[in-house]
Amino acid sequence: MTTLNWKTSTRSNEGNCVEVATPTPMVMVRDSKDRQGSVLSFGAGQWAGFVRGIKGGKFNV
């Protein structure tokens, strides 16, 4: 398996964040506090839609 380049947002505070890796054509997400735990994977289009939703305020509670 290829080593993934995990990235954490520069806006992350106190480790309460997710990490993202982008091995084409997938986007993989994991909890930054549990790096050995589960990893979610999404197609690039799904991830782009999710990011658009966040930027558009769809998930504000």
Protein backbone atom coordinates (compact mmCIF):
# COMPACT_ATOMS: atom_id res chain seq x y z
CA MET A 1 0.00 0.00 0.00
CA THR A 2 1.19 3.52 -0.79
CA THR A 3 1.98 5.82 2.12
CA LEU A 4 -0.66 8.53 2.35
CA ASN A 5 0.13 12.21 2.86
CA TRP A 6 -2.34 13.21 5.59
CA LYS A 7 -3.10 16.93 6.04
CA THR A 8 -4.75 18.75 8.94
CA SER A 9 -6.36 22.17 8.62
CA THR A 10 -4.29 25.09 9.82
CA ARG A 11 -7.48 26.19 11.62
CA SER A 12 -7.45 23.06 13.76
CA ASN A 13 -7.29 23.76 17.48
CA GLU A 14 -6.14 21.45 20.24
CA GLY A 15 -6.22 18.42 17.94
CA ASN A 16 -10.01 18.48 17.54
CA CYS A 17 -9.95 18.02 13.82
CA VAL A 18 -9.94 15.55 10.98
CA GLU A 19 -7.10 14.73 8.64
CA VAL A 20 -7.55 14.38 4.90
CA ALA A 21 -5.53 12.45 2.31
CA THR A 22 -6.24 12.66 -1.40
CA PRO A 23 -4.99 9.64 -3.29
CA THR A 24 -6.61 10.12 -6.71
CA PRO A 25 -9.54 9.58 -7.31
CA MET A 26 -10.51 9.22 -3.64
CA VAL A 27 -10.55 11.49 -0.61
CA MET A 28 -9.88 9.79 2.71
CA VAL A 29 -10.75 11.22 6.14
CA ARG A 30 -9.73 10.16 9.65
CA ASP A 31 -9.89 11.51 13.20
CA SER A 32 -6.67 13.33 14.09
CA LYS A 33 -6.89 11.98 17.66
CA ASP A 34 -7.24 8.35 16.52
CA ARG A 35 -4.87 7.89 13.61
CA GLN A 36 -5.03 4.10 13.85
CA GLY A 37 -8.84 4.11 13.82
CA SER A 38 -11.38 4.01 11.03
CA VAL A 39 -10.91 5.83 7.74
CA LEU A 40 -13.80 7.09 5.62
CA SER A 41 -13.38 7.32 1.86
CA PHE A 42 -15.32 9.39 -0.64
CA GLY A 43 -15.27 9.90 -4.37
CA ALA A 44 -13.82 13.24 -5.46
CA GLY A 45 -17.27 14.46 -6.59
CA GLN A 46 -18.87 13.53 -3.27
CA TRP A 47 -16.16 15.36 -1.35
CA ALA A 48 -16.48 18.45 -3.57
CA GLY A 49 -20.23 18.51 -2.92
CA PHE A 50 -19.66 18.22 0.82
CA VAL A 51 -17.15 21.11 0.78
CA ARG A 52 -19.60 23.24 -1.26
CA GLY A 53 -22.29 22.48 1.33
CA ILE A 54 -20.03 23.57 4.18
CA LYS A 55 -19.07 26.79 2.42
CA GLY A 56 -22.73 27.45 1.60
CA GLY A 57 -23.82 27.06 5.23
CA LYS A 58 -25.90 23.89 4.69
CA PHE A 59 -24.60 22.24 7.87
CA ASN A 60 -24.75 25.19 10.29
CA VAL A 61 -26.65 24.28 13.43
